[in-house]
């Protein structure tokens, strides 16, 4: 993202003087972009092997075989993504149109 921002500034897609930002990212999973924005590292295969609790925040970008069998799974989202099938607890979430 930092490299994209540098390119956007160089080619005047972002204009610091007028506070105009024309840079936009379209991603398959909005929650992944939000996680990057707030500094949550990207999930990598094997990261969950010691997890006792797995919190799936409304996206399907995970491998179900990476979730330990004894881990409790919490799913939060606005639609029934793939993650809902592995959840021990399901919490509601707001769609982007409701926020």
PDB file of N, CA and C in Angstrom:
ATOM      1  N   UNK A   1       0.822  -1.189   0.000  1.00  0.00           N
ATOM      2  CA  UNK A   1       0.000   0.000   0.000  1.00  0.00           C
ATOM      3  C   UNK A   1       0.866   1.253   0.000  1.00  0.00           C
ATOM      4  N   UNK A   2       1.985   1.187   0.724  1.00  0.00           N
ATOM      5  CA  UNK A   2       2.862   2.360   0.743  1.00  0.00           C
ATOM      6  C   UNK A   2       3.424   2.644  -0.646  1.00  0.00           C
ATOM      7  N   UNK A   3       3.790   1.595  -1.370  1.00  0.00           N
ATOM      8  CA  UNK A   3       4.293   1.777  -2.736  1.00  0.00           C
ATOM      9  C   UNK A   3       3.210   2.344  -3.650  1.00  0.00           C
ATOM     10  N   UNK A   4       1.976   1.854  -3.485  1.00  0.00           N
ATOM     11  CA  UNK A   4       0.860   2.395  -4.274  1.00  0.00           C
ATOM     12  C   UNK A   4       0.632   3.869  -3.966  1.00  0.00           C
ATOM     13  N   UNK A   5       0.748   4.226  -2.689  1.00  0.00           N
ATOM     14  CA  UNK A   5       0.562   5.625  -2.314  1.00  0.00           C
ATOM     15  C   UNK A   5       1.644   6.505  -2.945  1.00  0.00           C
ATOM     16  N   UNK A   6       2.887   6.025  -2.944  1.00  0.00           N
ATOM     17  CA  UNK A   6       3.978   6.786  -3.571  1.00  0.00           C
ATOM     18  C   UNK A   6       3.702   7.002  -5.060  1.00  0.00           C
ATOM     19  N   UNK A   7       3.253   5.944  -5.748  1.00  0.00           N
ATOM     20  CA  UNK A   7       2.913   6.066  -7.169  1.00  0.00           C
ATOM     21  C   UNK A   7       1.749   7.033  -7.377  1.00  0.00           C
ATOM     22  N   UNK A   8       0.754   6.940  -6.501  1.00  0.00           N
ATOM     23  CA  UNK A   8      -0.413   7.815  -6.622  1.00  0.00           C
ATOM     24  C   UNK A   8      -0.026   9.281  -6.448  1.00  0.00           C
ATOM     25  N   UNK A   9       0.884   9.550  -5.523  1.00  0.00           N
ATOM     26  CA  UNK A   9       1.353  10.927  -5.339  1.00  0.00           C
ATOM     27  C   UNK A   9       2.169  11.376  -6.542  1.00  0.00           C
ATOM     28  N   UNK A  10       3.049  10.499  -7.018  1.00  0.00           N
ATOM     29  CA  UNK A  10       3.895  10.825  -8.173  1.00  0.00           C
ATOM     30  C   UNK A  10       3.063  11.173  -9.407  1.00  0.00           C
ATOM     31  N   UNK A  11       1.996  10.420  -9.629  1.00  0.00           N
ATOM     32  CA  UNK A  11       1.167  10.635 -10.818  1.00  0.00           C
ATOM     33  C   UNK A  11      -0.066  11.486 -10.533  1.00  0.00           C
ATOM     34  N   UNK A  12      -0.044  12.172  -9.380  1.00  0.00           N
ATOM     35  CA  UNK A  12      -1.068  13.143  -8.990  1.00  0.00           C
ATOM     36  C   UNK A  12      -2.478  12.552  -8.854  1.00  0.00           C
ATOM     37  N   UNK A  13      -2.521  11.281  -8.485  1.00  0.00           N
ATOM     38  CA  UNK A  13      -3.800  10.664  -8.150  1.00  0.00           C
ATOM     39  C   UNK A  13      -4.204  11.104  -6.744  1.00  0.00           C
ATOM     40  N   UNK A  14      -3.184  11.354  -5.911  1.00  0.00           N
ATOM     41  CA  UNK A  14      -3.400  11.939  -4.593  1.00  0.00           C
ATOM     42  C   UNK A  14      -2.788  13.331  -4.630  1.00  0.00           C
ATOM     43  N   UNK A  15      -3.580  14.336  -4.278  1.00  0.00           N
ATOM     44  CA  UNK A  15      -3.106  15.709  -4.278  1.00  0.00           C
ATOM     45  C   UNK A  15      -3.152  16.224  -2.843  1.00  0.00           C
ATOM     46  N   UNK A  16      -1.979  16.343  -2.236  1.00  0.00           N
ATOM     47  CA  UNK A  16      -1.891  16.783  -0.836  1.00  0.00           C
ATOM     48  C   UNK A  16      -2.397  18.217  -0.650  1.00  0.00           C
ATOM     49  N   UNK A  17      -2.195  19.082  -1.647  1.00  0.00           N
ATOM     50  CA  UNK A  17      -2.613  20.481  -1.531  1.00  0.00           C
ATOM     51  C   UNK A  17      -4.130  20.619  -1.414  1.00  0.00           C
ATOM     52  N   UNK A  18      -4.847  19.929  -2.289  1.00  0.00           N
ATOM     53  CA  UNK A  18      -6.307  20.042  -2.298  1.00  0.00           C
ATOM     54  C   UNK A  18      -6.990  18.978  -1.443  1.00  0.00           C
ATOM     55  N   UNK A  19      -6.169  18.102  -0.842  1.00  0.00           N
ATOM     56  CA  UNK A  19      -6.684  16.996  -0.008  1.00  0.00           C
ATOM     57  C   UNK A  19      -7.578  16.052  -0.811  1.00  0.00           C
ATOM     58  N   UNK A  20      -7.272  15.901  -2.117  1.00  0.00           N
ATOM     59  CA  UNK A  20      -8.047  14.993  -2.962  1.00  0.00           C
ATOM     60  C   UNK A  20      -7.329  13.656  -3.046  1.00  0.00           C
ATOM     61  N   UNK A  21      -8.055  12.570  -2.832  1.00  0.00           N
ATOM     62  CA  UNK A  21      -7.473  11.232  -2.877  1.00  0.00           C
ATOM     63  C   UNK A  21      -8.252  10.398  -3.880  1.00  0.00           C
ATOM     64  N   UNK A  22      -7.635  10.100  -5.014  1.00  0.00           N
ATOM     65  CA  UNK A  22      -8.269   9.281  -6.042  1.00  0.00           C
ATOM     66  C   UNK A  22      -7.835   7.834  -6.012  1.00  0.00           C
ATOM     67  N   UNK A  23      -7.041   7.468  -5.005  1.00  0.00           N
ATOM     68  CA  UNK A  23      -6.575   6.084  -4.880  1.00  0.00           C
ATOM     69  C   UNK A  23      -7.648   5.257  -4.189  1.00  0.00           C
ATOM     70  N   UNK A  24      -8.004   4.149  -4.802  1.00  0.00           N
ATOM     71  CA  UNK A  24      -9.001   3.263  -4.229  1.00  0.00           C
ATOM     72  C   UNK A  24      -8.566   1.835  -4.497  1.00  0.00           C
ATOM     73  N   UNK A  25      -8.835   0.960  -3.564  1.00  0.00           N
ATOM     74  CA  UNK A  25      -8.468  -0.446  -3.695  1.00  0.00           C
ATOM     75  C   UNK A  25      -9.734  -1.282  -3.601  1.00  0.00           C
ATOM     76  N   UNK A  26      -9.928  -2.136  -4.571  1.00  0.00           N
ATOM     77  CA  UNK A  26     -11.060  -3.062  -4.550  1.00  0.00           C
ATOM     78  C   UNK A  26     -10.502  -4.448  -4.245  1.00  0.00           C
ATOM     79  N   UNK A  27     -10.944  -5.015  -3.170  1.00  0.00           N
ATOM     80  CA  UNK A  27     -10.411  -6.292  -2.709  1.00  0.00           C
ATOM     81  C   UNK A  27     -11.547  -7.299  -2.606  1.00  0.00           C
ATOM     82  N   UNK A  28     -11.229  -8.565  -2.724  1.00  0.00           N
ATOM     83  CA  UNK A  28     -12.248  -9.611  -2.607  1.00  0.00           C
ATOM     84  C   UNK A  28     -12.904  -9.625  -1.229  1.00  0.00           C
ATOM     85  N   UNK A  29     -12.143  -9.290  -0.206  1.00  0.00           N
ATOM     86  CA  UNK A  29     -12.646  -9.340   1.157  1.00  0.00           C
ATOM     87  C   UNK A  29     -12.407  -7.999   1.835  1.00  0.00           C
ATOM     88  N   UNK A  30     -13.462  -7.251   2.074  1.00  0.00           N
ATOM     89  CA  UNK A  30     -13.333  -5.926   2.680  1.00  0.00           C
ATOM     90  C   UNK A  30     -12.663  -6.013   4.048  1.00  0.00           C
ATOM     91  N   UNK A  31     -12.935  -7.076   4.781  1.00  0.00           N
ATOM     92  CA  UNK A  31     -12.357  -7.193   6.122  1.00  0.00           C
ATOM     93  C   UNK A  31     -10.843  -7.327   6.077  1.00  0.00           C
ATOM     94  N   UNK A  32     -10.299  -7.866   4.988  1.00  0.00           N
ATOM     95  CA  UNK A  32      -8.851  -7.965   4.853  1.00  0.00           C
ATOM     96  C   UNK A  32      -8.236  -6.580   4.722  1.00  0.00           C
ATOM     97  N   UNK A  33      -8.857  -5.718   3.952  1.00  0.00           N
ATOM     98  CA  UNK A  33      -8.368  -4.347   3.785  1.00  0.00           C
ATOM     99  C   UNK A  33      -8.440  -3.613   5.119  1.00  0.00           C
ATOM    100  N   UNK A  34      -9.537  -3.763   5.827  1.00  0.00           N
ATOM    101  CA  UNK A  34      -9.694  -3.116   7.124  1.00  0.00           C
ATOM    102  C   UNK A  34      -8.638  -3.621   8.098  1.00  0.00           C
ATOM    103  N   UNK A  35      -8.382  -4.913   8.093  1.00  0.00           N
ATOM    104  CA  UNK A  35      -7.352  -5.478   8.965  1.00  0.00           C
ATOM    105  C   UNK A  35      -5.991  -4.856   8.661  1.00  0.00           C
ATOM    106  N   UNK A  36      -5.672  -4.676   7.384  1.00  0.00           N
ATOM    107  CA  UNK A  36      -4.416  -4.013   7.004  1.00  0.00           C
ATOM    108  C   UNK A  36      -4.397  -2.574   7.501  1.00  0.00           C
ATOM    109  N   UNK A  37      -5.516  -1.875   7.371  1.00  0.00           N
ATOM    110  CA  UNK A  37      -5.602  -0.472   7.801  1.00  0.00           C
ATOM    111  C   UNK A  37      -5.318  -0.301   9.290  1.00  0.00           C
ATOM    112  N   UNK A  38      -5.780  -1.259  10.092  1.00  0.00           N
ATOM    113  CA  UNK A  38      -5.586  -1.117  11.540  1.00  0.00           C
ATOM    114  C   UNK A  38      -4.384  -1.904  12.052  1.00  0.00           C
ATOM    115  N   UNK A  39      -3.597  -2.479  11.133  1.00  0.00           N
ATOM    116  CA  UNK A  39      -2.329  -3.090  11.512  1.00  0.00           C
ATOM    117  C   UNK A  39      -2.365  -4.551  11.902  1.00  0.00           C
ATOM    118  N   UNK A  40      -3.433  -5.258  11.582  1.00  0.00           N
ATOM    119  CA  UNK A  40      -3.478  -6.691  11.862  1.00  0.00           C
ATOM    120  C   UNK A  40      -2.718  -7.409  10.751  1.00  0.00           C
ATOM    121  N   UNK A  41      -1.736  -8.226  11.105  1.00  0.00           N
ATOM    122  CA  UNK A  41      -0.947  -8.892  10.059  1.00  0.00           C
ATOM    123  C   UNK A  41      -1.772  -9.893   9.263  1.00  0.00           C
ATOM    124  N   UNK A  42      -1.345 -10.133   8.034  1.00  0.00           N
ATOM    125  CA  UNK A  42      -2.043 -11.072   7.161  1.00  0.00           C
ATOM    126  C   UNK A  42      -1.902 -12.489   7.700  1.00  0.00           C
ATOM    127  N   UNK A  43      -2.965 -13.233   7.624  1.00  0.00           N
ATOM    128  CA  UNK A  43      -2.984 -14.631   8.047  1.00  0.00           C
ATOM    129  C   UNK A  43      -2.103 -15.462   7.109  1.00  0.00           C
ATOM    130  N   UNK A  44      -1.225 -16.251   7.686  1.00  0.00           N
ATOM    131  CA  UNK A  44      -0.373 -17.134   6.906  1.00  0.00           C
ATOM    132  C   UNK A  44      -0.607 -18.564   7.347  1.00  0.00           C
ATOM    133  N   UNK A  45      -0.468 -19.493   6.417  1.00  0.00           N
ATOM    134  CA  UNK A  45      -0.665 -20.912   6.733  1.00  0.00           C
ATOM    135  C   UNK A  45       0.235 -21.294   7.908  1.00  0.00           C
ATOM    136  N   UNK A  46      -0.351 -21.965   8.869  1.00  0.00           N
ATOM    137  CA  UNK A  46       0.390 -22.411  10.039  1.00  0.00           C
ATOM    138  C   UNK A  46       0.314 -21.460  11.219  1.00  0.00           C
ATOM    139  N   UNK A  47      -0.204 -20.241  11.025  1.00  0.00           N
ATOM    140  CA  UNK A  47      -0.296 -19.267  12.112  1.00  0.00           C
ATOM    141  C   UNK A  47      -1.223 -19.721  13.239  1.00  0.00           C
ATOM    142  N   UNK A  48      -2.161 -20.580  12.919  1.00  0.00           N
ATOM    143  CA  UNK A  48      -3.197 -20.927  13.891  1.00  0.00           C
ATOM    144  C   UNK A  48      -2.926 -22.222  14.656  1.00  0.00           C
ATOM    145  N   UNK A  49      -1.791 -22.874  14.436  1.00  0.00           N
ATOM    146  CA  UNK A  49      -1.578 -24.212  14.997  1.00  0.00           C
ATOM    147  C   UNK A  49      -1.651 -24.258  16.526  1.00  0.00           C
ATOM    148  N   UNK A  50      -1.327 -23.148  17.209  1.00  0.00           N
ATOM    149  CA  UNK A  50      -1.382 -23.101  18.672  1.00  0.00           C
ATOM    150  C   UNK A  50      -2.626 -22.374  19.189  1.00  0.00           C
ATOM    151  N   UNK A  51      -3.491 -21.919  18.296  1.00  0.00           N
ATOM    152  CA  UNK A  51      -4.636 -21.091  18.702  1.00  0.00           C
ATOM    153  C   UNK A  51      -5.655 -21.883  19.510  1.00  0.00           C
ATOM    154  N   UNK A  52      -6.133 -21.239  20.556  1.00  0.00           N
ATOM    155  CA  UNK A  52      -7.231 -21.808  21.355  1.00  0.00           C
ATOM    156  C   UNK A  52      -8.554 -21.165  20.968  1.00  0.00           C
ATOM    157  N   UNK A  53      -8.477 -19.934  20.445  1.00  0.00           N
ATOM    158  CA  UNK A  53      -9.657 -19.212  19.972  1.00  0.00           C
ATOM    159  C   UNK A  53      -9.318 -18.620  18.611  1.00  0.00           C
ATOM    160  N   UNK A  54     -10.211 -18.831  17.639  1.00  0.00           N
ATOM    161  CA  UNK A  54     -10.057 -18.250  16.307  1.00  0.00           C
ATOM    162  C   UNK A  54     -11.261 -17.340  16.086  1.00  0.00           C
ATOM    163  N   UNK A  55     -10.974 -16.064  15.798  1.00  0.00           N
ATOM    164  CA  UNK A  55     -12.023 -15.066  15.592  1.00  0.00           C
ATOM    165  C   UNK A  55     -12.049 -14.738  14.104  1.00  0.00           C
ATOM    166  N   UNK A  56     -13.092 -15.176  13.408  1.00  0.00           N
ATOM    167  CA  UNK A  56     -13.228 -14.934  11.971  1.00  0.00           C
ATOM    168  C   UNK A  56     -14.115 -13.711  11.800  1.00  0.00           C
ATOM    169  N   UNK A  57     -13.539 -12.659  11.237  1.00  0.00           N
ATOM    170  CA  UNK A  57     -14.260 -11.394  11.122  1.00  0.00           C
ATOM    171  C   UNK A  57     -14.765 -11.217   9.695  1.00  0.00           C
ATOM    172  N   UNK A  58     -15.798 -11.993   9.354  1.00  0.00           N
ATOM    173  CA  UNK A  58     -16.545 -11.816   8.109  1.00  0.00           C
ATOM    174  C   UNK A  58     -15.796 -12.014   6.811  1.00  0.00           C
ATOM    175  N   UNK A  59     -14.918 -12.981   6.727  1.00  0.00           N
ATOM    176  CA  UNK A  59     -14.336 -13.262   5.419  1.00  0.00           C
ATOM    177  C   UNK A  59     -13.999 -14.735   5.288  1.00  0.00           C
ATOM    178  N   UNK A  60     -13.795 -15.179   4.065  1.00  0.00           N
ATOM    179  CA  UNK A  60     -13.571 -16.596   3.773  1.00  0.00           C
ATOM    180  C   UNK A  60     -12.129 -16.918   3.440  1.00  0.00           C
ATOM    181  N   UNK A  61     -11.234 -15.968   3.613  1.00  0.00           N
ATOM    182  CA  UNK A  61      -9.851 -16.146   3.186  1.00  0.00           C
ATOM    183  C   UNK A  61      -9.042 -16.917   4.228  1.00  0.00           C
ATOM    184  N   UNK A  62      -9.450 -18.154   4.485  1.00  0.00           N
ATOM    185  CA  UNK A  62      -8.728 -19.012   5.424  1.00  0.00           C
ATOM    186  C   UNK A  62      -8.904 -20.457   4.982  1.00  0.00           C
ATOM    187  N   UNK A  63      -8.067 -21.317   5.532  1.00  0.00           N
ATOM    188  CA  UNK A  63      -8.180 -22.742   5.244  1.00  0.00           C
ATOM    189  C   UNK A  63      -8.743 -23.421   6.495  1.00  0.00           C
ATOM    190  N   UNK A  64      -9.850 -24.103   6.334  1.00  0.00           N
ATOM    191  CA  UNK A  64     -10.480 -24.721   7.503  1.00  0.00           C
ATOM    192  C   UNK A  64      -9.584 -25.768   8.153  1.00  0.00           C
ATOM    193  N   UNK A  65      -8.698 -26.405   7.395  1.00  0.00           N
ATOM    194  CA  UNK A  65      -7.815 -27.413   7.982  1.00  0.00           C
ATOM    195  C   UNK A  65      -6.707 -26.782   8.827  1.00  0.00           C
ATOM    196  N   UNK A  66      -6.557 -25.457   8.795  1.00  0.00           N
ATOM    197  CA  UNK A  66      -5.599 -24.759   9.654  1.00  0.00           C
ATOM    198  C   UNK A  66      -6.160 -24.490  11.048  1.00  0.00           C
ATOM    199  N   UNK A  67      -7.467 -24.587  11.215  1.00  0.00           N
ATOM    200  CA  UNK A  67      -8.083 -24.337  12.514  1.00  0.00           C
ATOM    201  C   UNK A  67      -7.906 -25.593  13.375  1.00  0.00           C
ATOM    202  N   UNK A  68      -7.231 -25.467  14.525  1.00  0.00           N
ATOM    203  CA  UNK A  68      -7.058 -26.633  15.402  1.00  0.00           C
ATOM    204  C   UNK A  68      -8.402 -27.194  15.846  1.00  0.00           C
ATOM    205  N   UNK A  69      -8.463 -28.512  15.963  1.00  0.00           N
ATOM    206  CA  UNK A  69      -9.731 -29.163  16.325  1.00  0.00           C
ATOM    207  C   UNK A  69     -10.250 -28.735  17.696  1.00  0.00           C
ATOM    208  N   UNK A  70      -9.344 -28.417  18.617  1.00  0.00           N
ATOM    209  CA  UNK A  70      -9.780 -28.045  19.968  1.00  0.00           C
ATOM    210  C   UNK A  70     -10.000 -26.540  20.136  1.00  0.00           C
ATOM    211  N   UNK A  71      -9.822 -25.763  19.085  1.00  0.00           N
ATOM    212  CA  UNK A  71     -10.009 -24.310  19.167  1.00  0.00           C
ATOM    213  C   UNK A  71     -11.490 -23.950  19.121  1.00  0.00           C
ATOM    214  N   UNK A  72     -11.848 -22.935  19.887  1.00  0.00           N
ATOM    215  CA  UNK A  72     -13.191 -22.376  19.802  1.00  0.00           C
ATOM    216  C   UNK A  72     -13.181 -21.354  18.673  1.00  0.00           C
ATOM    217  N   UNK A  73     -14.203 -21.380  17.823  1.00  0.00           N
ATOM    218  CA  UNK A  73     -14.263 -20.498  16.658  1.00  0.00           C
ATOM    219  C   UNK A  73     -15.424 -19.525  16.829  1.00  0.00           C
ATOM    220  N   UNK A  74     -15.084 -18.230  16.712  1.00  0.00           N
ATOM    221  CA  UNK A  74     -16.081 -17.165  16.774  1.00  0.00           C
ATOM    222  C   UNK A  74     -16.152 -16.541  15.391  1.00  0.00           C
ATOM    223  N   UNK A  75     -17.342 -16.449  14.848  1.00  0.00           N
ATOM    224  CA  UNK A  75     -17.553 -15.813  13.552  1.00  0.00           C
ATOM    225  C   UNK A  75     -18.384 -14.559  13.754  1.00  0.00           C
ATOM    226  N   UNK A  76     -17.942 -13.446  13.161  1.00  0.00           N
ATOM    227  CA  UNK A  76     -18.745 -12.223  13.176  1.00  0.00           C
ATOM    228  C   UNK A  76     -18.812 -11.689  11.758  1.00  0.00           C
ATOM    229  N   UNK A  77     -20.014 -11.476  11.277  1.00  0.00           N
ATOM    230  CA  UNK A  77     -20.193 -10.962   9.929  1.00  0.00           C
ATOM    231  C   UNK A  77     -21.643 -10.666   9.634  1.00  0.00           C
ATOM    232  N   UNK A  78     -21.873 -10.156   8.428  1.00  0.00           N
ATOM    233  CA  UNK A  78     -23.241  -9.759   8.067  1.00  0.00           C
ATOM    234  C   UNK A  78     -23.902 -10.753   7.122  1.00  0.00           C
ATOM    235  N   UNK A  79     -23.130 -11.664   6.575  1.00  0.00           N
ATOM    236  CA  UNK A  79     -23.681 -12.691   5.696  1.00  0.00           C
ATOM    237  C   UNK A  79     -23.087 -14.037   6.093  1.00  0.00           C
ATOM    238  N   UNK A  80     -23.700 -15.096   5.666  1.00  0.00           N
ATOM    239  CA  UNK A  80     -23.221 -16.427   5.999  1.00  0.00           C
ATOM    240  C   UNK A  80     -22.041 -16.853   5.149  1.00  0.00           C
ATOM    241  N   UNK A  81     -20.859 -16.286   5.422  1.00  0.00           N
ATOM    242  CA  UNK A  81     -19.654 -16.691   4.714  1.00  0.00           C
ATOM    243  C   UNK A  81     -19.301 -18.129   5.062  1.00  0.00           C
ATOM    244  N   UNK A  82     -18.272 -18.631   4.442  1.00  0.00           N
ATOM    245  CA  UNK A  82     -17.793 -19.987   4.711  1.00  0.00           C
ATOM    246  C   UNK A  82     -17.449 -20.169   6.190  1.00  0.00           C
ATOM    247  N   UNK A  83     -16.926 -19.123   6.807  1.00  0.00           N
ATOM    248  CA  UNK A  83     -16.515 -19.204   8.206  1.00  0.00           C
ATOM    249  C   UNK A  83     -17.621 -19.554   9.169  1.00  0.00           C
ATOM    250  N   UNK A  84     -18.848 -19.265   8.812  1.00  0.00           N
ATOM    251  CA  UNK A  84     -19.977 -19.527   9.701  1.00  0.00           C
ATOM    252  C   UNK A  84     -20.158 -21.039   9.937  1.00  0.00           C
ATOM    253  N   UNK A  85     -19.730 -21.856   9.012  1.00  0.00           N
ATOM    254  CA  UNK A  85     -19.892 -23.306   9.137  1.00  0.00           C
ATOM    255  C   UNK A  85     -18.963 -23.921  10.181  1.00  0.00           C
ATOM    256  N   UNK A  86     -17.929 -23.195  10.594  1.00  0.00           N
ATOM    257  CA  UNK A  86     -16.964 -23.709  11.559  1.00  0.00           C
ATOM    258  C   UNK A  86     -17.123 -23.073  12.926  1.00  0.00           C
ATOM    259  N   UNK A  87     -18.100 -22.177  13.067  1.00  0.00           N
ATOM    260  CA  UNK A  87     -18.231 -21.361  14.271  1.00  0.00           C
ATOM    261  C   UNK A  87     -18.915 -22.107  15.409  1.00  0.00           C
ATOM    262  N   UNK A  88     -18.377 -21.875  16.611  1.00  0.00           N
ATOM    263  CA  UNK A  88     -19.029 -22.298  17.840  1.00  0.00           C
ATOM    264  C   UNK A  88     -19.945 -21.182  18.344  1.00  0.00           C
ATOM    265  N   UNK A  89     -19.611 -19.943  17.981  1.00  0.00           N
ATOM    266  CA  UNK A  89     -20.399 -18.775  18.361  1.00  0.00           C
ATOM    267  C   UNK A  89     -20.485 -17.848  17.155  1.00  0.00           C
ATOM    268  N   UNK A  90     -21.707 -17.398  16.822  1.00  0.00           N
ATOM    269  CA  UNK A  90     -21.920 -16.497  15.693  1.00  0.00           C
ATOM    270  C   UNK A  90     -22.436 -15.160  16.230  1.00  0.00           C
ATOM    271  N   UNK A  91     -21.713 -14.078  15.863  1.00  0.00           N
ATOM    272  CA  UNK A  91     -22.094 -12.733  16.297  1.00  0.00           C
ATOM    273  C   UNK A  91     -22.519 -11.931  15.074  1.00  0.00           C
ATOM    274  N   UNK A  92     -23.504 -11.037  15.236  1.00  0.00           N
ATOM    275  CA  UNK A  92     -23.934 -10.240  14.096  1.00  0.00           C
ATOM    276  C   UNK A  92     -22.907  -9.168  13.747  1.00  0.00           C
ATOM    277  N   UNK A  93     -22.918  -8.770  12.503  1.00  0.00           N
ATOM    278  CA  UNK A  93     -22.078  -7.674  12.026  1.00  0.00           C
ATOM    279  C   UNK A  93     -22.882  -6.834  11.050  1.00  0.00           C
ATOM    280  N   UNK A  94     -22.484  -5.591  10.856  1.00  0.00           N
ATOM    281  CA  UNK A  94     -23.198  -4.695   9.968  1.00  0.00           C
ATOM    282  C   UNK A  94     -22.584  -4.726   8.583  1.00  0.00           C
ATOM    283  N   UNK A  95     -23.428  -4.728   7.556  1.00  0.00           N
ATOM    284  CA  UNK A  95     -22.956  -4.610   6.185  1.00  0.00           C
ATOM    285  C   UNK A  95     -22.453  -3.190   5.965  1.00  0.00           C
ATOM    286  N   UNK A  96     -21.616  -2.994   4.959  1.00  0.00           N
ATOM    287  CA  UNK A  96     -21.057  -1.664   4.715  1.00  0.00           C
ATOM    288  C   UNK A  96     -22.163  -0.628   4.462  1.00  0.00           C
ATOM    289  N   UNK A  97     -23.291  -1.066   3.931  1.00  0.00           N
ATOM    290  CA  UNK A  97     -24.396  -0.136   3.672  1.00  0.00           C
ATOM    291  C   UNK A  97     -25.107   0.292   4.952  1.00  0.00           C
ATOM    292  N   UNK A  98     -24.895  -0.449   6.031  1.00  0.00           N
ATOM    293  CA  UNK A  98     -25.524  -0.127   7.301  1.00  0.00           C
ATOM    294  C   UNK A  98     -24.623   0.705   8.226  1.00  0.00           C
ATOM    295  N   UNK A  99     -23.372   0.848   7.853  1.00  0.00           N
ATOM    296  CA  UNK A  99     -22.407   1.515   8.750  1.00  0.00           C
ATOM    297  C   UNK A  99     -22.444   3.007   8.586  1.00  0.00           C
TER     298      UNK A  99
END
